[in-house]
PDB file of N, CA and C in Angstrom:
ATOM      1  N   MET A   1      98.190  97.793  87.014  1.00  0.00           N
ATOM      2  CA  MET A   1      99.093  97.400  88.056  1.00  0.00           C
ATOM      3  C   MET A   1      98.404  96.415  88.972  1.00  0.00           C
ATOM      4  N   TRP A   2      97.180  96.817  89.458  1.00  0.00           N
ATOM      5  CA  TRP A   2      96.422  95.927  90.397  1.00  0.00           C
ATOM      6  C   TRP A   2      96.221  94.522  89.775  1.00  0.00           C
ATOM      7  N   LEU A   3      96.029  94.568  88.403  1.00  0.00           N
ATOM      8  CA  LEU A   3      95.729  93.253  87.677  1.00  0.00           C
ATOM      9  C   LEU A   3      96.945  92.370  87.816  1.00  0.00           C
ATOM     10  N   LEU A   4      98.130  92.938  87.593  1.00  0.00           N
ATOM     11  CA  LEU A   4      99.375  92.129  87.628  1.00  0.00           C
ATOM     12  C   LEU A   4      99.634  91.589  89.078  1.00  0.00           C
ATOM     13  N   ILE A   5      99.396  92.436  89.996  1.00  0.00           N
ATOM     14  CA  ILE A   5      99.696  91.964  91.368  1.00  0.00           C
ATOM     15  C   ILE A   5      98.813  90.845  91.858  1.00  0.00           C
ATOM     16  N   TYR A   6      97.520  90.981  91.569  1.00  0.00           N
ATOM     17  CA  TYR A   6      96.557  89.982  92.183  1.00  0.00           C
ATOM     18  C   TYR A   6      96.193  88.764  91.257  1.00  0.00           C
ATOM     19  N   LYS A   7      96.628  88.905  90.011  1.00  0.00           N
ATOM     20  CA  LYS A   7      96.276  87.737  89.118  1.00  0.00           C
ATOM     21  C   LYS A   7      96.888  86.406  89.648  1.00  0.00           C
ATOM     22  N   ASP A   8      98.147  86.460  90.129  1.00  0.00           N
ATOM     23  CA  ASP A   8      98.851  85.218  90.635  1.00  0.00           C
ATOM     24  C   ASP A   8      98.938  85.207  92.168  1.00  0.00           C
ATOM     25  N   SER A   9      98.232  86.150  92.762  1.00  0.00           N
ATOM     26  CA  SER A   9      98.377  86.253  94.220  1.00  0.00           C
ATOM     27  C   SER A   9      97.511  85.130  94.931  1.00  0.00           C
ATOM     28  N   LEU A  10      98.007  84.875  96.172  1.00  0.00           N
ATOM     29  CA  LEU A  10      97.237  83.947  97.017  1.00  0.00           C
ATOM     30  C   LEU A  10      96.145  84.741  97.827  1.00  0.00           C
ATOM     31  N   CYS A  11      96.088  85.958  97.646  1.00  0.00           N
ATOM     32  CA  CYS A  11      95.082  86.876  98.309  1.00  0.00           C
ATOM     33  C   CYS A  11      93.731  86.439  97.929  1.00  0.00           C
ATOM     34  N   GLU A  12      92.810  86.440  98.948  1.00  0.00           N
ATOM     35  CA  GLU A  12      91.383  86.113  98.732  1.00  0.00           C
ATOM     36  C   GLU A  12      90.452  87.300  99.095  1.00  0.00           C
ATOM     37  N   VAL A  13      90.942  88.182  99.782  1.00  0.00           N
ATOM     38  CA  VAL A  13      90.125  89.462 100.216  1.00  0.00           C
ATOM     39  C   VAL A  13      90.977  90.632 100.042  1.00  0.00           C
ATOM     40  N   VAL A  14      90.531  91.718  99.432  1.00  0.00           N
ATOM     41  CA  VAL A  14      91.106  93.027  99.191  1.00  0.00           C
ATOM     42  C   VAL A  14      90.272  94.078  99.804  1.00  0.00           C
ATOM     43  N   LEU A  15      90.894  94.995 100.550  1.00  0.00           N
ATOM     44  CA  LEU A  15      90.108  96.062 101.189  1.00  0.00           C
ATOM     45  C   LEU A  15      90.399  97.353 100.418  1.00  0.00           C
ATOM     46  N   THR A  16      89.353  97.794  99.686  1.00  0.00           N
ATOM     47  CA  THR A  16      89.489  99.114  98.886  1.00  0.00           C
ATOM     48  C   THR A  16      88.348 100.078  99.269  1.00  0.00           C
ATOM     49  N   ASP A  17      88.571 101.260  98.609  1.00  0.00           N
ATOM     50  CA  ASP A  17      87.371 102.212  98.661  1.00  0.00           C
ATOM     51  C   ASP A  17      86.498 101.881  97.362  1.00  0.00           C
ATOM     52  N   VAL A  18      85.588 102.686  97.149  1.00  0.00           N
ATOM     53  CA  VAL A  18      84.537 102.375  96.161  1.00  0.00           C
ATOM     54  C   VAL A  18      85.006 102.856  94.744  1.00  0.00           C
ATOM     55  N   PHE A  19      86.183 103.198  94.481  1.00  0.00           N
ATOM     56  CA  PHE A  19      86.691 103.664  93.203  1.00  0.00           C
ATOM     57  C   PHE A  19      86.326 102.516  92.134  1.00  0.00           C
ATOM     58  N   SER A  20      85.653 102.861  91.095  1.00  0.00           N
ATOM     59  CA  SER A  20      85.216 101.904  90.112  1.00  0.00           C
ATOM     60  C   SER A  20      86.284 101.172  89.445  1.00  0.00           C
ATOM     61  N   GLY A  21      87.496 101.676  89.370  1.00  0.00           N
ATOM     62  CA  GLY A  21      88.572 100.914  88.812  1.00  0.00           C
ATOM     63  C   GLY A  21      88.860  99.712  89.512  1.00  0.00           C
ATOM     64  N   TYR A  22      88.650  99.695  90.804  1.00  0.00           N
ATOM     65  CA  TYR A  22      88.976  98.437  91.576  1.00  0.00           C
ATOM     66  C   TYR A  22      87.896  97.350  91.257  1.00  0.00           C
ATOM     67  N   ALA A  23      86.741  97.744  91.069  1.00  0.00           N
ATOM     68  CA  ALA A  23      85.686  96.819  90.712  1.00  0.00           C
ATOM     69  C   ALA A  23      85.910  96.124  89.357  1.00  0.00           C
ATOM     70  N   LYS A  24      86.386  96.927  88.412  1.00  0.00           N
ATOM     71  CA  LYS A  24      86.687  96.426  87.038  1.00  0.00           C
ATOM     72  C   LYS A  24      87.889  95.483  87.251  1.00  0.00           C
ATOM     73  N   ALA A  25      88.935  95.882  87.950  1.00  0.00           N
ATOM     74  CA  ALA A  25      90.124  95.077  88.068  1.00  0.00           C
ATOM     75  C   ALA A  25      89.796  93.662  88.747  1.00  0.00           C
ATOM     76  N   GLU A  26      88.910  93.826  89.771  1.00  0.00           N
ATOM     77  CA  GLU A  26      88.460  92.581  90.528  1.00  0.00           C
ATOM     78  C   GLU A  26      87.752  91.669  89.584  1.00  0.00           C
ATOM     79  N   ARG A  27      86.799  92.284  88.789  1.00  0.00           N
ATOM     80  CA  ARG A  27      86.131  91.343  87.762  1.00  0.00           C
ATOM     81  C   ARG A  27      86.989  90.729  86.775  1.00  0.00           C
ATOM     82  N   VAL A  28      87.922  91.450  86.218  1.00  0.00           N
ATOM     83  CA  VAL A  28      88.873  90.963  85.203  1.00  0.00           C
ATOM     84  C   VAL A  28      89.740  89.922  85.847  1.00  0.00           C
ATOM     85  N   VAL A  29      90.351  90.122  87.052  1.00  0.00           N
ATOM     86  CA  VAL A  29      91.167  89.158  87.712  1.00  0.00           C
ATOM     87  C   VAL A  29      90.388  87.849  88.052  1.00  0.00           C
ATOM     88  N   ASN A  30      89.205  88.092  88.609  1.00  0.00           N
ATOM     89  CA  ASN A  30      88.296  86.944  89.004  1.00  0.00           C
ATOM     90  C   ASN A  30      87.925  86.074  87.720  1.00  0.00           C
ATOM     91  N   GLU A  31      87.755  86.644  86.636  1.00  0.00           N
ATOM     92  CA  GLU A  31      87.446  85.912  85.415  1.00  0.00           C
ATOM     93  C   GLU A  31      88.703  85.026  85.147  1.00  0.00           C
ATOM     94  N   ASP A  32      89.742  85.514  85.189  1.00  0.00           N
ATOM     95  CA  ASP A  32      91.042  84.734  84.874  1.00  0.00           C
ATOM     96  C   ASP A  32      91.195  83.713  86.021  1.00  0.00           C
ATOM     97  N   ARG A  33      91.025  84.004  87.176  1.00  0.00           N
ATOM     98  CA  ARG A  33      91.181  83.079  88.278  1.00  0.00           C
ATOM     99  C   ARG A  33      90.134  81.898  88.239  1.00  0.00           C
ATOM    100  N   GLN A  34      88.961  82.316  87.860  1.00  0.00           N
ATOM    101  CA  GLN A  34      87.960  81.280  87.689  1.00  0.00           C
ATOM    102  C   GLN A  34      88.249  80.191  86.657  1.00  0.00           C
ATOM    103  N   ILE A  35      88.888  80.678  85.527  1.00  0.00           N
ATOM    104  CA  ILE A  35      89.262  79.744  84.422  1.00  0.00           C
ATOM    105  C   ILE A  35      90.361  78.890  84.928  1.00  0.00           C
ATOM    106  N   THR A  36      91.227  79.354  85.732  1.00  0.00           N
ATOM    107  CA  THR A  36      92.408  78.660  86.124  1.00  0.00           C
ATOM    108  C   THR A  36      92.139  77.876  87.497  1.00  0.00           C
ATOM    109  N   GLY A  37      90.959  77.892  87.933  1.00  0.00           N
ATOM    110  CA  GLY A  37      90.515  77.166  89.170  1.00  0.00           C
ATOM    111  C   GLY A  37      91.180  77.747  90.424  1.00  0.00           C
ATOM    112  N   LYS A  38      91.539  79.002  90.426  1.00  0.00           N
ATOM    113  CA  LYS A  38      91.962  79.659  91.662  1.00  0.00           C
ATOM    114  C   LYS A  38      90.799  80.279  92.503  1.00  0.00           C
ATOM    115  N   THR A  39      91.095  80.458  93.740  1.00  0.00           N
ATOM    116  CA  THR A  39      90.010  81.097  94.567  1.00  0.00           C
ATOM    117  C   THR A  39      89.795  82.556  94.059  1.00  0.00           C
ATOM    118  N   LEU A  40      88.481  82.916  93.930  1.00  0.00           N
ATOM    119  CA  LEU A  40      88.133  84.323  93.561  1.00  0.00           C
ATOM    120  C   LEU A  40      88.493  85.262  94.711  1.00  0.00           C
ATOM    121  N   ILE A  41      88.829  86.504  94.304  1.00  0.00           N
ATOM    122  CA  ILE A  41      89.123  87.480  95.262  1.00  0.00           C
ATOM    123  C   ILE A  41      87.770  88.234  95.638  1.00  0.00           C
ATOM    124  N   ALA A  42      87.493  88.429  96.916  1.00  0.00           N
ATOM    125  CA  ALA A  42      86.340  89.237  97.333  1.00  0.00           C
ATOM    126  C   ALA A  42      86.837  90.599  97.704  1.00  0.00           C
ATOM    127  N   ASN A  43      86.025  91.667  97.553  1.00  0.00           N
ATOM    128  CA  ASN A  43      86.344  93.002  97.911  1.00  0.00           C
ATOM    129  C   ASN A  43      85.638  93.499  99.015  1.00  0.00           C
ATOM    130  N   ALA A  44      86.258  93.665 100.125  1.00  0.00           N
ATOM    131  CA  ALA A  44      85.690  94.208 101.326  1.00  0.00           C
ATOM    132  C   ALA A  44      85.838  95.701 101.338  1.00  0.00           C
ATOM    133  N   LYS A  45      84.776  96.429 101.118  1.00  0.00           N
ATOM    134  CA  LYS A  45      84.790  97.809 101.048  1.00  0.00           C
ATOM    135  C   LYS A  45      85.193  98.495 102.380  1.00  0.00           C
ATOM    136  N   CYS A  46      85.920  99.602 102.279  1.00  0.00           N
ATOM    137  CA  CYS A  46      86.334 100.247 103.527  1.00  0.00           C
ATOM    138  C   CYS A  46      85.195 100.979 104.189  1.00  0.00           C
ATOM    139  N   ASN A  47      84.891 100.725 105.454  1.00  0.00           N
ATOM    140  CA  ASN A  47      83.941 101.285 106.270  1.00  0.00           C
ATOM    141  C   ASN A  47      84.114 102.887 106.369  1.00  0.00           C
ATOM    142  N   ALA A  48      85.338 103.285 106.514  1.00  0.00           N
ATOM    143  CA  ALA A  48      85.580 104.739 106.733  1.00  0.00           C
ATOM    144  C   ALA A  48      85.075 105.479 105.496  1.00  0.00           C
ATOM    145  N   HIS A  49      85.308 104.906 104.277  1.00  0.00           N
ATOM    146  CA  HIS A  49      84.929 105.605 103.150  1.00  0.00           C
ATOM    147  C   HIS A  49      83.324 105.513 103.013  1.00  0.00           C
ATOM    148  N   ALA A  50      82.793 104.303 103.311  1.00  0.00           N
ATOM    149  CA  ALA A  50      81.322 104.162 103.262  1.00  0.00           C
ATOM    150  C   ALA A  50      80.629 105.239 104.205  1.00  0.00           C
ATOM    151  N   ARG A  51      81.124 105.265 105.363  1.00  0.00           N
ATOM    152  CA  ARG A  51      80.575 106.163 106.338  1.00  0.00           C
ATOM    153  C   ARG A  51      80.542 107.602 105.767  1.00  0.00           C
ATOM    154  N   ARG A  52      81.605 108.012 105.167  1.00  0.00           N
ATOM    155  CA  ARG A  52      81.796 109.343 104.718  1.00  0.00           C
ATOM    156  C   ARG A  52      80.632 109.671 103.608  1.00  0.00           C
ATOM    157  N   TYR A  53      80.352 108.624 102.800  1.00  0.00           N
ATOM    158  CA  TYR A  53      79.238 108.827 101.772  1.00  0.00           C
ATOM    159  C   TYR A  53      77.921 109.062 102.492  1.00  0.00           C
ATOM    160  N   PHE A  54      77.674 108.367 103.479  1.00  0.00           N
ATOM    161  CA  PHE A  54      76.428 108.540 104.230  1.00  0.00           C
ATOM    162  C   PHE A  54      76.352 109.829 104.904  1.00  0.00           C
ATOM    163  N   SER A  55      77.526 110.262 105.497  1.00  0.00           N
ATOM    164  CA  SER A  55      77.566 111.655 106.045  1.00  0.00           C
ATOM    165  C   SER A  55      77.277 112.743 105.080  1.00  0.00           C
ATOM    166  N   LYS A  56      77.802 112.544 103.859  1.00  0.00           N
ATOM    167  CA  LYS A  56      77.556 113.594 102.844  1.00  0.00           C
ATOM    168  C   LYS A  56      76.049 113.762 102.512  1.00  0.00           C
ATOM    169  N   LEU A  57      75.316 112.691 102.637  1.00  0.00           N
ATOM    170  CA  LEU A  57      73.908 112.735 102.380  1.00  0.00           C
ATOM    171  C   LEU A  57      73.130 113.656 103.436  1.00  0.00           C
ATOM    172  N   GLY A  58      73.674 113.798 104.613  1.00  0.00           N
ATOM    173  CA  GLY A  58      73.097 114.616 105.688  1.00  0.00           C
ATOM    174  C   GLY A  58      72.233 113.909 106.589  1.00  0.00           C
ATOM    175  N   PRO A  59      72.025 114.348 107.796  1.00  0.00           N
ATOM    176  CA  PRO A  59      71.379 113.682 108.848  1.00  0.00           C
ATOM    177  C   PRO A  59      69.824 113.610 108.632  1.00  0.00           C
ATOM    178  N   ASN A  60      69.337 114.446 107.715  1.00  0.00           N
ATOM    179  CA  ASN A  60      67.907 114.425 107.433  1.00  0.00           C
ATOM    180  C   ASN A  60      67.395 113.329 106.481  1.00  0.00           C
ATOM    181  N   THR A  61      68.375 112.561 105.964  1.00  0.00           N
ATOM    182  CA  THR A  61      68.027 111.432 104.992  1.00  0.00           C
ATOM    183  C   THR A  61      67.810 110.221 105.868  1.00  0.00           C
ATOM    184  N   LYS A  62      66.656 109.646 105.762  1.00  0.00           N
ATOM    185  CA  LYS A  62      66.319 108.388 106.550  1.00  0.00           C
ATOM    186  C   LYS A  62      67.318 107.280 106.445  1.00  0.00           C
ATOM    187  N   GLU A  63      67.719 106.998 105.168  1.00  0.00           N
ATOM    188  CA  GLU A  63      68.758 105.870 105.048  1.00  0.00           C
ATOM    189  C   GLU A  63      70.068 106.212 105.648  1.00  0.00           C
ATOM    190  N   ALA A  64      70.485 107.435 105.408  1.00  0.00           N
ATOM    191  CA  ALA A  64      71.773 107.905 105.949  1.00  0.00           C
ATOM    192  C   ALA A  64      71.778 107.926 107.427  1.00  0.00           C
ATOM    193  N   GLU A  65      70.704 108.408 108.010  1.00  0.00           N
ATOM    194  CA  GLU A  65      70.526 108.423 109.500  1.00  0.00           C
ATOM    195  C   GLU A  65      70.603 107.078 110.041  1.00  0.00           C
ATOM    196  N   PHE A  66      69.989 106.144 109.437  1.00  0.00           N
ATOM    197  CA  PHE A  66      69.975 104.631 109.945  1.00  0.00           C
ATOM    198  C   PHE A  66      71.492 104.107 109.956  1.00  0.00           C
ATOM    199  N   TYR A  67      72.164 104.306 108.799  1.00  0.00           N
ATOM    200  CA  TYR A  67      73.526 103.730 108.750  1.00  0.00           C
ATOM    201  C   TYR A  67      74.535 104.525 109.532  1.00  0.00           C
ATOM    202  N   LEU A  68      74.275 105.811 109.719  1.00  0.00           N
ATOM    203  CA  LEU A  68      75.187 106.576 110.618  1.00  0.00           C
ATOM    204  C   LEU A  68      75.029 106.095 112.086  1.00  0.00           C
ATOM    205  N   ASP A  69      73.758 105.898 112.426  1.00  0.00           N
ATOM    206  CA  ASP A  69      73.473 105.374 113.763  1.00  0.00           C
ATOM    207  C   ASP A  69      74.234 103.993 113.986  1.00  0.00           C
ATOM    208  N   GLN A  70      74.114 103.105 112.979  1.00  0.00           N
ATOM    209  CA  GLN A  70      74.919 101.893 113.070  1.00  0.00           C
ATOM    210  C   GLN A  70      76.394 101.996 113.181  1.00  0.00           C
ATOM    211  N   TYR A  71      76.996 102.874 112.411  1.00  0.00           N
ATOM    212  CA  TYR A  71      78.344 103.225 112.550  1.00  0.00           C
ATOM    213  C   TYR A  71      78.705 103.669 113.953  1.00  0.00           C
ATOM    214  N   HIS A  72      77.848 104.623 114.448  1.00  0.00           N
ATOM    215  CA  HIS A  72      78.164 105.171 115.763  1.00  0.00           C
ATOM    216  C   HIS A  72      78.119 103.980 116.792  1.00  0.00           C
ATOM    217  N   GLU A  73      77.231 103.140 116.692  1.00  0.00           N
ATOM    218  CA  GLU A  73      77.153 101.942 117.613  1.00  0.00           C
ATOM    219  C   GLU A  73      78.473 101.066 117.465  1.00  0.00           C
ATOM    220  N   ILE A  74      78.856 100.909 116.188  1.00  0.00           N
ATOM    221  CA  ILE A  74      80.119 100.106 116.034  1.00  0.00           C
ATOM    222  C   ILE A  74      81.318 100.768 116.638  1.00  0.00           C
ATOM    223  N   TYR A  75      81.407 102.055 116.387  1.00  0.00           N
ATOM    224  CA  TYR A  75      82.560 102.886 116.989  1.00  0.00           C
ATOM    225  C   TYR A  75      82.529 102.887 118.438  1.00  0.00           C
ATOM    226  N   GLN A  76      81.335 102.910 119.069  1.00  0.00           N
ATOM    227  CA  GLN A  76      81.189 102.850 120.530  1.00  0.00           C
ATOM    228  C   GLN A  76      81.660 101.507 121.110  1.00  0.00           C
ATOM    229  N   LEU A  77      81.238 100.461 120.414  1.00  0.00           N
ATOM    230  CA  LEU A  77      81.628  99.109 120.817  1.00  0.00           C
ATOM    231  C   LEU A  77      83.142  98.980 120.692  1.00  0.00           C
ATOM    232  N   GLU A  78      83.756  99.495 119.616  1.00  0.00           N
ATOM    233  CA  GLU A  78      85.145  99.420 119.395  1.00  0.00           C
ATOM    234  C   GLU A  78      85.856 100.115 120.504  1.00  0.00           C
ATOM    235  N   SER A  79      85.391 101.276 120.859  1.00  0.00           N
ATOM    236  CA  SER A  79      85.978 102.155 121.936  1.00  0.00           C
ATOM    237  C   SER A  79      86.011 101.355 123.293  1.00  0.00           C
ATOM    238  N   GLU A  80      84.815 100.767 123.640  1.00  0.00           N
ATOM    239  CA  GLU A  80      84.589 100.026 124.831  1.00  0.00           C
ATOM    240  C   GLU A  80      85.598  98.796 124.855  1.00  0.00           C
ATOM    241  N   ALA A  81      85.626  98.200 123.690  1.00  0.00           N
ATOM    242  CA  ALA A  81      86.607  97.019 123.616  1.00  0.00           C
ATOM    243  C   ALA A  81      88.084  97.416 123.839  1.00  0.00           C
ATOM    244  N   LYS A  82      88.455  98.496 123.269  1.00  0.00           N
ATOM    245  CA  LYS A  82      89.806  99.020 123.461  1.00  0.00           C
ATOM    246  C   LYS A  82      90.097  99.411 124.959  1.00  0.00           C
ATOM    247  N   GLU A  83      89.088 100.066 125.578  1.00  0.00           N
ATOM    248  CA  GLU A  83      89.170 100.345 127.045  1.00  0.00           C
ATOM    249  C   GLU A  83      89.214  99.213 127.913  1.00  0.00           C
ATOM    250  N   ASN A  84      88.662  98.166 127.488  1.00  0.00           N
ATOM    251  CA  ASN A  84      88.718  96.909 128.360  1.00  0.00           C
ATOM    252  C   ASN A  84      89.724  95.940 127.875  1.00  0.00           C
ATOM    253  N   ARG A  85      90.590  96.449 126.979  1.00  0.00           N
ATOM    254  CA  ARG A  85      91.754  95.631 126.384  1.00  0.00           C
ATOM    255  C   ARG A  85      91.360  94.364 125.830  1.00  0.00           C
ATOM    256  N   LEU A  86      90.131  94.393 125.145  1.00  0.00           N
ATOM    257  CA  LEU A  86      89.662  93.205 124.411  1.00  0.00           C
ATOM    258  C   LEU A  86      90.242  93.217 122.982  1.00  0.00           C
ATOM    259  N   MET A  87      90.745  94.422 122.565  1.00  0.00           N
ATOM    260  CA  MET A  87      91.377  94.525 121.236  1.00  0.00           C
ATOM    261  C   MET A  87      92.817  95.078 121.320  1.00  0.00           C
ATOM    262  N   LYS A  88      93.615  94.448 120.497  1.00  0.00           N
ATOM    263  CA  LYS A  88      94.984  94.886 120.414  1.00  0.00           C
ATOM    264  C   LYS A  88      95.227  95.576 119.018  1.00  0.00           C
ATOM    265  N   PHE A  89      95.661  96.828 119.024  1.00  0.00           N
ATOM    266  CA  PHE A  89      96.065  97.541 117.843  1.00  0.00           C
ATOM    267  C   PHE A  89      97.403  98.099 117.987  1.00  0.00           C
TER     268      PHE A  89
END
């Protein structure tokens, strides 16, 4: 289904989780788009899903701790931006 939708789409970026089926579909679609001279589709992975995977590793894992701290900072900045009406959702 994904292949049919995005093969002829004007879409350039797709936001998905890390399900391997999306990566395969992206690769197949982009092979076709490259042959036909169309812009390739980039996959922007979902941060909420990514954060969950780091959380599953636990706070005692150095890499997980680093990225969870980064997400905390991003969420803090987002909260401040909303409070100061710098973002519209």
